[in-house]
Amino acid sequence: MTTLVLEREPVAVDVAIREEKLIVTLDDGRSISVPLEWYPRLLHASPKERKNWHLLGDGYAIEWPDLDEHIGIEGLLAGRRSGESRKSFARWLAARRRSPKHKKS
């Protein structure tokens, strides 16, 4: 098993979601792009919810408070998908569907 050894801690400076991709820009000029399907809560979020994000600490992670989603930059670099179980995601999705905030008029 190999271990990811970083020269320095990666830091995010910007986040965008376009065409079913999560794109994170790092302070060293790199951009990481991963499929939204890696993070089901983001995939099922509204555009407004996707835009409501902020960086944690100095940019070591991204949080979407409306979705209770947190993604670490080191994990993105390592290619880690969401670790949420299907059962947990199904409960979250069911609760979301029952919420008046998310019902369609």
PDB file of N, CA and C in Angstrom:
ATOM      1  N   MET A   1       0.841  -1.172   0.000  1.00  0.00           N
ATOM      2  CA  MET A   1       0.000   0.000   0.000  1.00  0.00           C
ATOM      3  C   MET A   1       0.884   1.232   0.000  1.00  0.00           C
ATOM      4  N   THR A   2       0.566   2.172  -0.863  1.00  0.00           N
ATOM      5  CA  THR A   2       1.338   3.404  -0.899  1.00  0.00           C
ATOM      6  C   THR A   2       0.659   4.468  -0.049  1.00  0.00           C
ATOM      7  N   THR A   3       1.447   5.417   0.389  1.00  0.00           N
ATOM      8  CA  THR A   3       0.946   6.505   1.200  1.00  0.00           C
ATOM      9  C   THR A   3       1.203   7.805   0.467  1.00  0.00           C
ATOM     10  N   LEU A   4       0.213   8.670   0.468  1.00  0.00           N
ATOM     11  CA  LEU A   4       0.363   9.970  -0.147  1.00  0.00           C
ATOM     12  C   LEU A   4       1.214  10.844   0.760  1.00  0.00           C
ATOM     13  N   VAL A   5       2.353  11.317   0.246  1.00  0.00           N
ATOM     14  CA  VAL A   5       3.224  12.202   0.998  1.00  0.00           C
ATOM     15  C   VAL A   5       3.191  13.550   0.301  1.00  0.00           C
ATOM     16  N   LEU A   6       2.776  14.563   1.040  1.00  0.00           N
ATOM     17  CA  LEU A   6       2.626  15.889   0.463  1.00  0.00           C
ATOM     18  C   LEU A   6       3.801  16.774   0.844  1.00  0.00           C
ATOM     19  N   GLU A   7       4.246  17.582  -0.110  1.00  0.00           N
ATOM     20  CA  GLU A   7       5.314  18.553   0.160  1.00  0.00           C
ATOM     21  C   GLU A   7       4.827  19.588   1.170  1.00  0.00           C
ATOM     22  N   ARG A   8       3.571  19.974   1.009  1.00  0.00           N
ATOM     23  CA  ARG A   8       2.940  20.896   1.950  1.00  0.00           C
ATOM     24  C   ARG A   8       1.439  20.651   1.925  1.00  0.00           C
ATOM     25  N   GLU A   9       0.754  21.118   2.944  1.00  0.00           N
ATOM     26  CA  GLU A   9      -0.687  20.928   3.053  1.00  0.00           C
ATOM     27  C   GLU A   9      -1.407  21.666   1.919  1.00  0.00           C
ATOM     28  N   PRO A  10      -2.244  20.986   1.140  1.00  0.00           N
ATOM     29  CA  PRO A  10      -2.982  21.655   0.062  1.00  0.00           C
ATOM     30  C   PRO A  10      -4.054  22.573   0.642  1.00  0.00           C
ATOM     31  N   VAL A  11      -4.260  23.711  -0.004  1.00  0.00           N
ATOM     32  CA  VAL A  11      -5.219  24.692   0.477  1.00  0.00           C
ATOM     33  C   VAL A  11      -6.129  25.115  -0.675  1.00  0.00           C
ATOM     34  N   ALA A  12      -7.439  25.030  -0.463  1.00  0.00           N
ATOM     35  CA  ALA A  12      -8.411  25.460  -1.462  1.00  0.00           C
ATOM     36  C   ALA A  12      -8.611  26.972  -1.372  1.00  0.00           C
ATOM     37  N   VAL A  13      -8.840  27.587  -2.536  1.00  0.00           N
ATOM     38  CA  VAL A  13      -9.144  29.017  -2.567  1.00  0.00           C
ATOM     39  C   VAL A  13     -10.462  29.315  -3.272  1.00  0.00           C
ATOM     40  N   ASP A  14     -10.972  28.359  -4.060  1.00  0.00           N
ATOM     41  CA  ASP A  14     -12.234  28.574  -4.752  1.00  0.00           C
ATOM     42  C   ASP A  14     -12.893  27.235  -5.061  1.00  0.00           C
ATOM     43  N   VAL A  15     -14.212  27.285  -5.214  1.00  0.00           N
ATOM     44  CA  VAL A  15     -15.004  26.091  -5.491  1.00  0.00           C
ATOM     45  C   VAL A  15     -16.042  26.445  -6.554  1.00  0.00           C
ATOM     46  N   ALA A  16     -16.239  25.546  -7.504  1.00  0.00           N
ATOM     47  CA  ALA A  16     -17.274  25.727  -8.516  1.00  0.00           C
ATOM     48  C   ALA A  16     -17.878  24.365  -8.835  1.00  0.00           C
ATOM     49  N   ILE A  17     -19.134  24.382  -9.239  1.00  0.00           N
ATOM     50  CA  ILE A  17     -19.792  23.161  -9.700  1.00  0.00           C
ATOM     51  C   ILE A  17     -20.340  23.463 -11.083  1.00  0.00           C
ATOM     52  N   ARG A  18     -19.826  22.704 -12.056  1.00  0.00           N
ATOM     53  CA  ARG A  18     -20.225  22.895 -13.453  1.00  0.00           C
ATOM     54  C   ARG A  18     -20.330  21.546 -14.143  1.00  0.00           C
ATOM     55  N   GLU A  19     -21.377  21.405 -14.937  1.00  0.00           N
ATOM     56  CA  GLU A  19     -21.536  20.219 -15.781  1.00  0.00           C
ATOM     57  C   GLU A  19     -21.258  18.916 -15.042  1.00  0.00           C
ATOM     58  N   GLU A  20     -21.904  18.760 -13.904  1.00  0.00           N
ATOM     59  CA  GLU A  20     -21.795  17.524 -13.114  1.00  0.00           C
ATOM     60  C   GLU A  20     -20.385  17.275 -12.570  1.00  0.00           C
ATOM     61  N   LYS A  21     -19.607  18.345 -12.397  1.00  0.00           N
ATOM     62  CA  LYS A  21     -18.256  18.245 -11.837  1.00  0.00           C
ATOM     63  C   LYS A  21     -18.109  19.198 -10.660  1.00  0.00           C
ATOM     64  N   LEU A  22     -17.380  18.752  -9.655  1.00  0.00           N
ATOM     65  CA  LEU A  22     -16.932  19.609  -8.562  1.00  0.00           C
ATOM     66  C   LEU A  22     -15.516  20.028  -8.922  1.00  0.00           C
ATOM     67  N   ILE A  23     -15.275  21.327  -8.973  1.00  0.00           N
ATOM     68  CA  ILE A  23     -13.959  21.854  -9.346  1.00  0.00           C
ATOM     69  C   ILE A  23     -13.439  22.694  -8.188  1.00  0.00           C
ATOM     70  N   VAL A  24     -12.276  22.325  -7.675  1.00  0.00           N
ATOM     71  CA  VAL A  24     -11.668  23.030  -6.553  1.00  0.00           C
ATOM     72  C   VAL A  24     -10.327  23.596  -7.019  1.00  0.00           C
ATOM     73  N   THR A  25     -10.170  24.897  -6.823  1.00  0.00           N
ATOM     74  CA  THR A  25      -8.912  25.560  -7.178  1.00  0.00           C
ATOM     75  C   THR A  25      -8.055  25.666  -5.929  1.00  0.00           C
ATOM     76  N   LEU A  26      -6.797  25.268  -6.058  1.00  0.00           N
ATOM     77  CA  LEU A  26      -5.854  25.310  -4.941  1.00  0.00           C
ATOM     78  C   LEU A  26      -5.003  26.572  -5.011  1.00  0.00           C
ATOM     79  N   ASP A  27      -4.396  26.921  -3.888  1.00  0.00           N
ATOM     80  CA  ASP A  27      -3.591  28.136  -3.834  1.00  0.00           C
ATOM     81  C   ASP A  27      -2.307  28.061  -4.653  1.00  0.00           C
ATOM     82  N   ASP A  28      -1.913  26.866  -5.088  1.00  0.00           N
ATOM     83  CA  ASP A  28      -0.702  26.737  -5.905  1.00  0.00           C
ATOM     84  C   ASP A  28      -1.009  26.775  -7.408  1.00  0.00           C
ATOM     85  N   GLY A  29      -2.286  27.045  -7.753  1.00  0.00           N
ATOM     86  CA  GLY A  29      -2.667  27.167  -9.159  1.00  0.00           C
ATOM     87  C   GLY A  29      -3.293  25.923  -9.768  1.00  0.00           C
ATOM     88  N   ARG A  30      -3.214  24.793  -9.083  1.00  0.00           N
ATOM     89  CA  ARG A  30      -3.849  23.579  -9.602  1.00  0.00           C
ATOM     90  C   ARG A  30      -5.346  23.627  -9.388  1.00  0.00           C
ATOM     91  N   SER A  31      -6.054  22.879 -10.225  1.00  0.00           N
ATOM     92  CA  SER A  31      -7.490  22.668 -10.052  1.00  0.00           C
ATOM     93  C   SER A  31      -7.740  21.166 -10.025  1.00  0.00           C
ATOM     94  N   ILE A  32      -8.623  20.761  -9.130  1.00  0.00           N
ATOM     95  CA  ILE A  32      -9.026  19.363  -9.016  1.00  0.00           C
ATOM     96  C   ILE A  32     -10.463  19.290  -9.504  1.00  0.00           C
ATOM     97  N   SER A  33     -10.745  18.360 -10.378  1.00  0.00           N
ATOM     98  CA  SER A  33     -12.093  18.176 -10.889  1.00  0.00           C
ATOM     99  C   SER A  33     -12.497  16.726 -10.675  1.00  0.00           C
ATOM    100  N   VAL A  34     -13.641  16.528  -9.994  1.00  0.00           N
ATOM    101  CA  VAL A  34     -14.151  15.180  -9.745  1.00  0.00           C
ATOM    102  C   VAL A  34     -15.636  15.140 -10.076  1.00  0.00           C
ATOM    103  N   PRO A  35     -16.154  13.967 -10.429  1.00  0.00           N
ATOM    104  CA  PRO A  35     -17.585  13.853 -10.738  1.00  0.00           C
ATOM    105  C   PRO A  35     -18.443  14.139  -9.507  1.00  0.00           C
ATOM    106  N   LEU A  36     -19.536  14.847  -9.700  1.00  0.00           N
ATOM    107  CA  LEU A  36     -20.461  15.108  -8.598  1.00  0.00           C
ATOM    108  C   LEU A  36     -21.018  13.817  -8.012  1.00  0.00           C
ATOM    109  N   GLU A  37     -21.110  12.779  -8.819  1.00  0.00           N
ATOM    110  CA  GLU A  37     -21.652  11.510  -8.304  1.00  0.00           C
ATOM    111  C   GLU A  37     -20.801  10.952  -7.163  1.00  0.00           C
ATOM    112  N   TRP A  38     -19.568  11.431  -7.019  1.00  0.00           N
ATOM    113  CA  TRP A  38     -18.746  11.022  -5.881  1.00  0.00           C
ATOM    114  C   TRP A  38     -19.326  11.543  -4.572  1.00  0.00           C
ATOM    115  N   TYR A  39     -20.122  12.605  -4.643  1.00  0.00           N
ATOM    116  CA  TYR A  39     -20.695  13.242  -3.460  1.00  0.00           C
ATOM    117  C   TYR A  39     -22.200  13.395  -3.669  1.00  0.00           C
ATOM    118  N   PRO A  40     -22.970  12.350  -3.353  1.00  0.00           N
ATOM    119  CA  PRO A  40     -24.402  12.330  -3.649  1.00  0.00           C
ATOM    120  C   PRO A  40     -25.194  13.511  -3.089  1.00  0.00           C
ATOM    121  N   ARG A  41     -24.801  14.022  -1.938  1.00  0.00           N
ATOM    122  CA  ARG A  41     -25.541  15.168  -1.396  1.00  0.00           C
ATOM    123  C   ARG A  41     -25.396  16.384  -2.323  1.00  0.00           C
ATOM    124  N   LEU A  42     -24.224  16.585  -2.855  1.00  0.00           N
ATOM    125  CA  LEU A  42     -24.029  17.683  -3.813  1.00  0.00           C
ATOM    126  C   LEU A  42     -24.790  17.415  -5.103  1.00  0.00           C
ATOM    127  N   LEU A  43     -24.788  16.173  -5.525  1.00  0.00           N
ATOM    128  CA  LEU A  43     -25.487  15.798  -6.757  1.00  0.00           C
ATOM    129  C   LEU A  43     -26.979  16.105  -6.659  1.00  0.00           C
ATOM    130  N   HIS A  44     -27.578  15.899  -5.477  1.00  0.00           N
ATOM    131  CA  HIS A  44     -29.010  16.108  -5.281  1.00  0.00           C
ATOM    132  C   HIS A  44     -29.352  17.501  -4.759  1.00  0.00           C
ATOM    133  N   ALA A  45     -28.379  18.360  -4.633  1.00  0.00           N
ATOM    134  CA  ALA A  45     -28.602  19.705  -4.098  1.00  0.00           C
ATOM    135  C   ALA A  45     -29.141  20.652  -5.162  1.00  0.00           C
ATOM    136  N   SER A  46     -29.801  21.679  -4.706  1.00  0.00           N
ATOM    137  CA  SER A  46     -30.255  22.741  -5.613  1.00  0.00           C
ATOM    138  C   SER A  46     -29.056  23.633  -5.957  1.00  0.00           C
ATOM    139  N   PRO A  47     -29.160  24.409  -7.026  1.00  0.00           N
ATOM    140  CA  PRO A  47     -28.083  25.351  -7.351  1.00  0.00           C
ATOM    141  C   PRO A  47     -27.784  26.301  -6.189  1.00  0.00           C
ATOM    142  N   LYS A  48     -28.823  26.751  -5.514  1.00  0.00           N
ATOM    143  CA  LYS A  48     -28.634  27.658  -4.371  1.00  0.00           C
ATOM    144  C   LYS A  48     -27.839  26.971  -3.256  1.00  0.00           C
ATOM    145  N   GLU A  49     -28.188  25.720  -2.952  1.00  0.00           N
ATOM    146  CA  GLU A  49     -27.473  24.975  -1.904  1.00  0.00           C
ATOM    147  C   GLU A  49     -26.020  24.729  -2.302  1.00  0.00           C
ATOM    148  N   ARG A  50     -25.787  24.445  -3.565  1.00  0.00           N
ATOM    149  CA  ARG A  50     -24.414  24.200  -4.035  1.00  0.00           C
ATOM    150  C   ARG A  50     -23.551  25.449  -3.920  1.00  0.00           C
ATOM    151  N   LYS A  51     -24.167  26.612  -4.075  1.00  0.00           N
ATOM    152  CA  LYS A  51     -23.409  27.865  -4.001  1.00  0.00           C
ATOM    153  C   LYS A  51     -23.125  28.292  -2.567  1.00  0.00           C
ATOM    154  N   ASN A  52     -23.846  27.723  -1.620  1.00  0.00           N
ATOM    155  CA  ASN A  52     -23.664  28.088  -0.216  1.00  0.00           C
ATOM    156  C   ASN A  52     -22.588  27.209   0.424  1.00  0.00           C
ATOM    157  N   TRP A  53     -21.347  27.547   0.159  1.00  0.00           N
ATOM    158  CA  TRP A  53     -20.217  26.804   0.706  1.00  0.00           C
ATOM    159  C   TRP A  53     -19.267  27.794   1.360  1.00  0.00           C
ATOM    160  N   HIS A  54     -18.410  27.281   2.219  1.00  0.00           N
ATOM    161  CA  HIS A  54     -17.312  28.090   2.745  1.00  0.00           C
ATOM    162  C   HIS A  54     -16.144  27.169   3.085  1.00  0.00           C
ATOM    163  N   LEU A  55     -14.981  27.781   3.144  1.00  0.00           N
ATOM    164  CA  LEU A  55     -13.763  27.035   3.446  1.00  0.00           C
ATOM    165  C   LEU A  55     -13.610  26.923   4.954  1.00  0.00           C
ATOM    166  N   LEU A  56     -13.125  25.779   5.393  1.00  0.00           N
ATOM    167  CA  LEU A  56     -12.833  25.565   6.805  1.00  0.00           C
ATOM    168  C   LEU A  56     -11.360  25.841   7.048  1.00  0.00           C
ATOM    169  N   GLY A  57     -11.075  26.449   8.181  1.00  0.00           N
ATOM    170  CA  GLY A  57      -9.687  26.768   8.507  1.00  0.00           C
ATOM    171  C   GLY A  57      -9.076  27.658   7.443  1.00  0.00           C
ATOM    172  N   ASP A  58      -7.882  27.322   7.028  1.00  0.00           N
ATOM    173  CA  ASP A  58      -7.195  28.078   5.982  1.00  0.00           C
ATOM    174  C   ASP A  58      -7.503  27.520   4.600  1.00  0.00           C
ATOM    175  N   GLY A  59      -8.527  26.661   4.489  1.00  0.00           N
ATOM    176  CA  GLY A  59      -8.883  26.065   3.209  1.00  0.00           C
ATOM    177  C   GLY A  59      -8.556  24.587   3.141  1.00  0.00           C
ATOM    178  N   TYR A  60      -8.408  23.943   4.306  1.00  0.00           N
ATOM    179  CA  TYR A  60      -8.084  22.509   4.322  1.00  0.00           C
ATOM    180  C   TYR A  60      -9.294  21.655   3.938  1.00  0.00           C
ATOM    181  N   ALA A  61     -10.520  22.268   4.008  1.00  0.00           N
ATOM    182  CA  ALA A  61     -11.746  21.540   3.676  1.00  0.00           C
ATOM    183  C   ALA A  61     -12.816  22.530   3.233  1.00  0.00           C
ATOM    184  N   ILE A  62     -13.860  21.980   2.611  1.00  0.00           N
ATOM    185  CA  ILE A  62     -15.000  22.766   2.160  1.00  0.00           C
ATOM    186  C   ILE A  62     -16.231  22.253   2.880  1.00  0.00           C
ATOM    187  N   GLU A  63     -17.100  23.180   3.300  1.00  0.00           N
ATOM    188  CA  GLU A  63     -18.339  22.802   3.970  1.00  0.00           C
ATOM    189  C   GLU A  63     -19.522  23.413   3.229  1.00  0.00           C
ATOM    190  N   TRP A  64     -20.568  22.601   3.044  1.00  0.00           N
ATOM    191  CA  TRP A  64     -21.862  23.045   2.547  1.00  0.00           C
ATOM    192  C   TRP A  64     -22.829  22.878   3.712  1.00  0.00           C
ATOM    193  N   PRO A  65     -23.062  23.936   4.506  1.00  0.00           N
ATOM    194  CA  PRO A  65     -23.867  23.784   5.723  1.00  0.00           C
ATOM    195  C   PRO A  65     -25.311  23.354   5.466  1.00  0.00           C
ATOM    196  N   ASP A  66     -25.911  23.772   4.352  1.00  0.00           N
ATOM    197  CA  ASP A  66     -27.292  23.371   4.057  1.00  0.00           C
ATOM    198  C   ASP A  66     -27.408  21.877   3.806  1.00  0.00           C
ATOM    199  N   LEU A  67     -26.309  21.250   3.427  1.00  0.00           N
ATOM    200  CA  LEU A  67     -26.314  19.831   3.055  1.00  0.00           C
ATOM    201  C   LEU A  67     -25.631  18.947   4.095  1.00  0.00           C
ATOM    202  N   ASP A  68     -25.025  19.566   5.097  1.00  0.00           N
ATOM    203  CA  ASP A  68     -24.207  18.847   6.077  1.00  0.00           C
ATOM    204  C   ASP A  68     -23.136  18.016   5.356  1.00  0.00           C
ATOM    205  N   GLU A  69     -22.488  18.645   4.381  1.00  0.00           N
ATOM    206  CA  GLU A  69     -21.436  17.990   3.578  1.00  0.00           C
ATOM    207  C   GLU A  69     -20.112  18.685   3.844  1.00  0.00           C
ATOM    208  N   HIS A  70     -19.082  17.881   4.077  1.00  0.00           N
ATOM    209  CA  HIS A  70     -17.731  18.381   4.327  1.00  0.00           C
ATOM    210  C   HIS A  70     -16.772  17.554   3.489  1.00  0.00           C
ATOM    211  N   ILE A  71     -15.934  18.226   2.714  1.00  0.00           N
ATOM    212  CA  ILE A  71     -14.988  17.523   1.857  1.00  0.00           C
ATOM    213  C   ILE A  71     -13.587  18.067   2.123  1.00  0.00           C
ATOM    214  N   GLY A  72     -12.680  17.190   2.521  1.00  0.00           N
ATOM    215  CA  GLY A  72     -11.296  17.573   2.775  1.00  0.00           C
ATOM    216  C   GLY A  72     -10.491  17.621   1.479  1.00  0.00           C
ATOM    217  N   ILE A  73      -9.615  18.594   1.377  1.00  0.00           N
ATOM    218  CA  ILE A  73      -8.808  18.769   0.175  1.00  0.00           C
ATOM    219  C   ILE A  73      -7.820  17.617   0.011  1.00  0.00           C
ATOM    220  N   GLU A  74      -7.249  17.167   1.083  1.00  0.00           N
ATOM    221  CA  GLU A  74      -6.317  16.038   1.003  1.00  0.00           C
ATOM    222  C   GLU A  74      -7.030  14.797   0.456  1.00  0.00           C
ATOM    223  N   GLY A  75      -8.258  14.575   0.879  1.00  0.00           N
ATOM    224  CA  GLY A  75      -9.048  13.449   0.371  1.00  0.00           C
ATOM    225  C   GLY A  75      -9.322  13.572  -1.119  1.00  0.00           C
ATOM    226  N   LEU A  76      -9.620  14.794  -1.576  1.00  0.00           N
ATOM    227  CA  LEU A  76      -9.818  15.006  -3.014  1.00  0.00           C
ATOM    228  C   LEU A  76      -8.562  14.628  -3.789  1.00  0.00           C
ATOM    229  N   LEU A  77      -7.415  15.090  -3.292  1.00  0.00           N
ATOM    230  CA  LEU A  77      -6.149  14.777  -3.972  1.00  0.00           C
ATOM    231  C   LEU A  77      -5.868  13.278  -3.979  1.00  0.00           C
ATOM    232  N   ALA A  78      -6.315  12.595  -2.946  1.00  0.00           N
ATOM    233  CA  ALA A  78      -6.095  11.148  -2.852  1.00  0.00           C
ATOM    234  C   ALA A  78      -7.144  10.355  -3.637  1.00  0.00           C
ATOM    235  N   GLY A  79      -8.161  11.039  -4.184  1.00  0.00           N
ATOM    236  CA  GLY A  79      -9.190  10.351  -4.959  1.00  0.00           C
ATOM    237  C   GLY A  79     -10.248   9.675  -4.127  1.00  0.00           C
ATOM    238  N   ARG A  80     -10.474  10.187  -2.887  1.00  0.00           N
ATOM    239  CA  ARG A  80     -11.483   9.575  -2.016  1.00  0.00           C
ATOM    240  C   ARG A  80     -12.874  10.115  -2.327  1.00  0.00           C
ATOM    241  N   ARG A  81     -13.812   9.202  -2.511  1.00  0.00           N
ATOM    242  CA  ARG A  81     -15.218   9.565  -2.689  1.00  0.00           C
ATOM    243  C   ARG A  81     -15.859   9.739  -1.320  1.00  0.00           C
ATOM    244  N   SER A  82     -17.124  10.149  -1.335  1.00  0.00           N
ATOM    245  CA  SER A  82     -17.865  10.262  -0.088  1.00  0.00           C
ATOM    246  C   SER A  82     -17.824   8.925   0.648  1.00  0.00           C
ATOM    247  N   GLY A  83     -17.654   8.980   1.942  1.00  0.00           N
ATOM    248  CA  GLY A  83     -17.634   7.764   2.746  1.00  0.00           C
ATOM    249  C   GLY A  83     -18.990   7.447   3.356  1.00  0.00           C
ATOM    250  N   GLU A  84     -20.008   8.227   2.980  1.00  0.00           N
ATOM    251  CA  GLU A  84     -21.332   8.019   3.549  1.00  0.00           C
ATOM    252  C   GLU A  84     -21.931   6.708   3.046  1.00  0.00           C
ATOM    253  N   SER A  85     -22.527   5.966   3.961  1.00  0.00           N
ATOM    254  CA  SER A  85     -23.154   4.693   3.578  1.00  0.00           C
ATOM    255  C   SER A  85     -24.425   4.954   2.779  1.00  0.00           C
ATOM    256  N   ARG A  86     -24.833   3.964   2.004  1.00  0.00           N
ATOM    257  CA  ARG A  86     -26.086   4.086   1.238  1.00  0.00           C
ATOM    258  C   ARG A  86     -27.272   4.281   2.170  1.00  0.00           C
ATOM    259  N   LYS A  87     -27.258   3.593   3.292  1.00  0.00           N
ATOM    260  CA  LYS A  87     -28.356   3.686   4.251  1.00  0.00           C
ATOM    261  C   LYS A  87     -28.454   5.106   4.817  1.00  0.00           C
ATOM    262  N   SER A  88     -27.322   5.677   5.183  1.00  0.00           N
ATOM    263  CA  SER A  88     -27.299   7.037   5.708  1.00  0.00           C
ATOM    264  C   SER A  88     -27.770   8.029   4.654  1.00  0.00           C
ATOM    265  N   PHE A  89     -27.302   7.880   3.423  1.00  0.00           N
ATOM    266  CA  PHE A  89     -27.712   8.784   2.355  1.00  0.00           C
ATOM    267  C   PHE A  89     -29.206   8.650   2.080  1.00  0.00           C
ATOM    268  N   ALA A  90     -29.730   7.434   2.088  1.00  0.00           N
ATOM    269  CA  ALA A  90     -31.159   7.209   1.854  1.00  0.00           C
ATOM    270  C   ALA A  90     -31.993   7.909   2.929  1.00  0.00           C
ATOM    271  N   ARG A  91     -31.552   7.845   4.197  1.00  0.00           N
ATOM    272  CA  ARG A  91     -32.260   8.540   5.283  1.00  0.00           C
ATOM    273  C   ARG A  91     -32.236  10.049   5.055  1.00  0.00           C
ATOM    274  N   TRP A  92     -31.062  10.576   4.675  1.00  0.00           N
ATOM    275  CA  TRP A  92     -30.920  12.009   4.411  1.00  0.00           C
ATOM    276  C   TRP A  92     -31.849  12.434   3.269  1.00  0.00           C
ATOM    277  N   LEU A  93     -31.867  11.665   2.206  1.00  0.00           N
ATOM    278  CA  LEU A  93     -32.689  11.994   1.043  1.00  0.00           C
ATOM    279  C   LEU A  93     -34.176  11.933   1.393  1.00  0.00           C
ATOM    280  N   ALA A  94     -34.585  10.936   2.175  1.00  0.00           N
ATOM    281  CA  ALA A  94     -35.987  10.812   2.581  1.00  0.00           C
ATOM    282  C   ALA A  94     -36.396  11.997   3.459  1.00  0.00           C
ATOM    283  N   ALA A  95     -35.541  12.378   4.384  1.00  0.00           N
ATOM    284  CA  ALA A  95     -35.837  13.530   5.249  1.00  0.00           C
ATOM    285  C   ALA A  95     -35.927  14.802   4.416  1.00  0.00           C
ATOM    286  N   ARG A  96     -35.100  14.915   3.449  1.00  0.00           N
ATOM    287  CA  ARG A  96     -35.096  16.077   2.556  1.00  0.00           C
ATOM    288  C   ARG A  96     -36.410  16.152   1.769  1.00  0.00           C
ATOM    289  N   ARG A  97     -36.877  15.024   1.292  1.00  0.00           N
ATOM    290  CA  ARG A  97     -38.136  14.989   0.529  1.00  0.00           C
ATOM    291  C   ARG A  97     -39.331  15.361   1.391  1.00  0.00           C
ATOM    292  N   ARG A  98     -39.274  15.023   2.688  1.00  0.00           N
ATOM    293  CA  ARG A  98     -40.376  15.341   3.605  1.00  0.00           C
ATOM    294  C   ARG A  98     -40.360  16.805   4.034  1.00  0.00           C
ATOM    295  N   SER A  99     -39.230  17.453   3.922  1.00  0.00           N
ATOM    296  CA  SER A  99     -39.080  18.832   4.389  1.00  0.00           C
ATOM    297  C   SER A  99     -39.869  19.802   3.508  1.00  0.00           C
ATOM    298  N   PRO A 100     -40.670  20.678   4.117  1.00  0.00           N
ATOM    299  CA  PRO A 100     -41.429  21.663   3.336  1.00  0.00           C
ATOM    300  C   PRO A 100     -40.506  22.569   2.510  1.00  0.00           C
ATOM    301  N   LYS A 101     -39.327  22.788   2.996  1.00  0.00           N
ATOM    302  CA  LYS A 101     -38.339  23.628   2.305  1.00  0.00           C
ATOM    303  C   LYS A 101     -37.977  23.060   0.931  1.00  0.00           C
ATOM    304  N   HIS A 102     -38.061  21.742   0.779  1.00  0.00           N
ATOM    305  CA  HIS A 102     -37.635  21.096  -0.465  1.00  0.00           C
ATOM    306  C   HIS A 102     -38.788  20.556  -1.310  1.00  0.00           C
ATOM    307  N   LYS A 103     -40.017  20.734  -0.852  1.00  0.00           N
ATOM    308  CA  LYS A 103     -41.164  20.266  -1.647  1.00  0.00           C
ATOM    309  C   LYS A 103     -41.388  21.193  -2.820  1.00  0.00           C
ATOM    310  N   LYS A 104     -41.762  20.599  -3.949  1.00  0.00           N
ATOM    311  CA  LYS A 104     -42.044  21.401  -5.135  1.00  0.00           C
ATOM    312  C   LYS A 104     -43.478  21.902  -5.074  1.00  0.00           C
ATOM    313  N   SER A 105     -43.677  23.141  -5.470  1.00  0.00           N
ATOM    314  CA  SER A 105     -45.019  23.738  -5.448  1.00  0.00           C
ATOM    315  C   SER A 105     -45.850  23.235  -6.600  1.00  0.00           C
TER     316      SER A 105
END
